[in-house]
């Protein structure tokens, strides 16, 4: 998917949020400043969450329960060892009744189930400073 603006990215994330079911896991990867948190904001909007969405860089996880499904929003950039995820009780959330969105998911490959959706966001300055290529697999 080609995104030429923050609004395009939010619209795509909202659409994806309309398709998720309890227990779904969405993995977000991309360089710093590429728009992972913008994507998370649009995703939350698509679930009907009206609370401000910020990246849980220092808290690792934020929980939002006001939408169609609970959203478990992780930012695992600061995770140095996957065993830290065990300490956080991640399985309760990954396999719970909500949907899990993980920024920097490539940091914890052994924690990610095989059926998770992977989204990679990339910049391409040749197509403009706001351009993002969003790939979903």
Protein backbone atom coordinates (compact mmCIF):
# COMPACT_ATOMS: atom_id res chain seq x y z
CA UNK A 1 0.00 0.00 0.00
CA UNK A 2 1.29 3.45 -0.86
CA UNK A 3 0.76 6.19 1.72
CA UNK A 4 1.42 9.76 0.72
CA UNK A 5 0.34 11.30 4.03
CA UNK A 6 -0.35 10.69 7.69
CA UNK A 7 -4.03 10.62 6.75
CA UNK A 8 -3.43 7.79 4.26
CA UNK A 9 -1.61 5.75 6.90
CA UNK A 10 -4.37 6.35 9.45
CA UNK A 11 -7.06 5.39 6.93
CA UNK A 12 -5.28 2.13 6.09
CA UNK A 13 -4.80 1.28 9.78
CA UNK A 14 -8.48 2.03 10.49
CA UNK A 15 -9.52 -0.32 7.70
CA UNK A 16 -7.31 -3.10 9.06
CA UNK A 17 -8.74 -2.57 12.56
CA UNK A 18 -12.20 -3.19 11.17
CA UNK A 19 -11.12 -6.69 10.12
CA UNK A 20 -9.42 -7.94 13.30
CA UNK A 21 -10.83 -10.47 15.74
CA UNK A 22 -10.03 -11.32 19.37
CA UNK A 23 -6.58 -12.91 19.62
CA UNK A 24 -5.21 -11.29 16.47
CA UNK A 25 -1.63 -10.04 16.65
CA UNK A 26 -0.36 -7.25 14.43
CA UNK A 27 3.43 -6.83 14.24
CA UNK A 28 4.80 -3.44 13.17
CA UNK A 29 8.34 -2.91 12.00
CA UNK A 30 10.22 -0.10 10.33
CA UNK A 31 12.97 2.40 11.05
CA UNK A 32 12.72 5.09 13.72
CA UNK A 33 10.35 7.86 12.69
CA UNK A 34 8.71 5.89 9.90
CA UNK A 35 5.19 6.11 11.37
CA UNK A 36 4.59 3.03 13.51
CA UNK A 37 2.89 5.08 16.22
CA UNK A 38 0.83 6.95 13.63
CA UNK A 39 -0.30 3.56 12.35
CA UNK A 40 -1.15 2.54 15.94
CA UNK A 41 -3.21 5.70 16.37
CA UNK A 42 -5.22 4.97 13.24
CA UNK A 43 -5.63 1.35 14.28
CA UNK A 44 -7.00 2.42 17.67
CA UNK A 45 -9.40 4.83 15.98
CA UNK A 46 -10.59 1.96 13.80
CA UNK A 47 -11.41 0.01 16.95
CA UNK A 48 -13.41 2.97 18.26
CA UNK A 49 -10.85 3.99 20.89
CA UNK A 50 -10.95 7.72 21.55
CA UNK A 51 -8.17 7.93 24.17
CA UNK A 52 -4.90 9.52 23.06
CA UNK A 53 -2.53 6.82 21.76
CA UNK A 54 1.14 7.19 22.56
CA UNK A 55 3.96 4.75 22.08
CA UNK A 56 4.63 2.83 25.31
CA UNK A 57 8.39 3.12 24.82
CA UNK A 58 9.23 3.12 28.54
CA UNK A 59 6.23 1.22 29.93
CA UNK A 60 6.43 -1.47 27.19
CA UNK A 61 2.62 -1.88 27.03
CA UNK A 62 -0.51 0.26 27.18
CA UNK A 63 -4.00 -1.20 27.45
CA UNK A 64 -7.02 0.50 25.89
CA UNK A 65 -10.37 -1.08 26.66
CA UNK A 66 -12.89 1.45 25.35
CA UNK A 67 -13.16 0.13 21.78
CA UNK A 68 -14.85 -2.71 19.95
CA UNK A 69 -12.02 -4.93 21.25
CA UNK A 70 -9.41 -4.27 23.92
CA UNK A 71 -6.12 -3.09 22.40
CA UNK A 72 -2.84 -4.26 23.90
CA UNK A 73 -0.27 -1.87 22.44
CA UNK A 74 3.35 -2.91 22.90
CA UNK A 75 6.56 -1.09 22.05
CA UNK A 76 9.37 -3.60 22.56
CA UNK A 77 12.20 -1.42 21.25
CA UNK A 78 13.87 -1.45 24.68
CA UNK A 79 13.53 -5.21 25.24
CA UNK A 80 17.07 -6.60 25.41
CA UNK A 81 16.17 -10.25 26.00
CA UNK A 82 12.96 -12.03 25.04
CA UNK A 83 12.73 -13.49 28.55
CA UNK A 84 11.66 -10.00 29.64
CA UNK A 85 8.40 -10.66 27.80
CA UNK A 86 7.75 -13.62 30.10
CA UNK A 87 8.17 -11.30 33.08
CA UNK A 88 5.51 -9.05 31.56
CA UNK A 89 3.08 -11.96 31.21
CA UNK A 90 2.73 -11.32 27.49
CA UNK A 91 0.91 -14.60 26.73
CA UNK A 92 -2.11 -13.46 28.75
CA UNK A 93 -2.50 -10.59 26.29
CA UNK A 94 -1.27 -12.16 23.05
CA UNK A 95 -3.80 -14.97 23.47
CA UNK A 96 -6.50 -12.96 25.24
CA UNK A 97 -9.80 -11.44 24.18
CA UNK A 98 -8.32 -8.34 22.63
CA UNK A 99 -6.04 -7.52 19.73
CA UNK A 100 -2.31 -7.02 20.19
CA UNK A 101 -0.31 -4.42 18.26
CA UNK A 102 3.48 -4.68 18.66
CA UNK A 103 5.86 -1.95 17.56
CA UNK A 104 9.37 -3.29 16.85
CA UNK A 105 8.07 -6.86 16.79
CA UNK A 106 11.28 -8.08 15.13
CA UNK A 107 12.96 -7.60 18.54
CA UNK A 108 11.01 -10.60 19.93
CA UNK A 109 10.74 -13.16 17.10
CA UNK A 110 10.40 -16.22 19.35
CA UNK A 111 7.36 -14.70 21.10
CA UNK A 112 5.42 -14.07 17.89
CA UNK A 113 2.94 -16.78 16.83
CA UNK A 114 3.12 -18.05 13.24
CA UNK A 115 -0.32 -16.64 12.38
CA UNK A 116 0.52 -13.05 13.33
CA UNK A 117 0.17 -10.37 10.66
CA UNK A 118 3.36 -8.52 9.85
CA UNK A 119 3.37 -4.93 8.68
CA UNK A 120 6.52 -3.19 7.55
CA UNK A 121 6.57 0.56 6.97
CA UNK A 122 9.33 2.05 4.83
CA UNK A 123 10.21 5.55 3.69
CA UNK A 124 11.24 6.29 0.12
CA UNK A 125 12.47 9.90 -0.13
CA UNK A 126 12.45 9.68 -3.93
CA UNK A 127 8.65 9.60 -3.73
CA UNK A 128 8.43 12.47 -1.22
CA UNK A 129 9.15 13.10 2.44
CA UNK A 130 5.67 11.99 3.52
CA UNK A 131 5.61 8.85 1.38
CA UNK A 132 5.48 5.46 3.11
CA UNK A 133 5.31 1.99 1.62
CA UNK A 134 3.20 -0.23 3.89
CA UNK A 135 3.56 -3.95 3.32
CA UNK A 136 1.26 -6.44 5.05
CA UNK A 137 1.88 -10.18 5.15
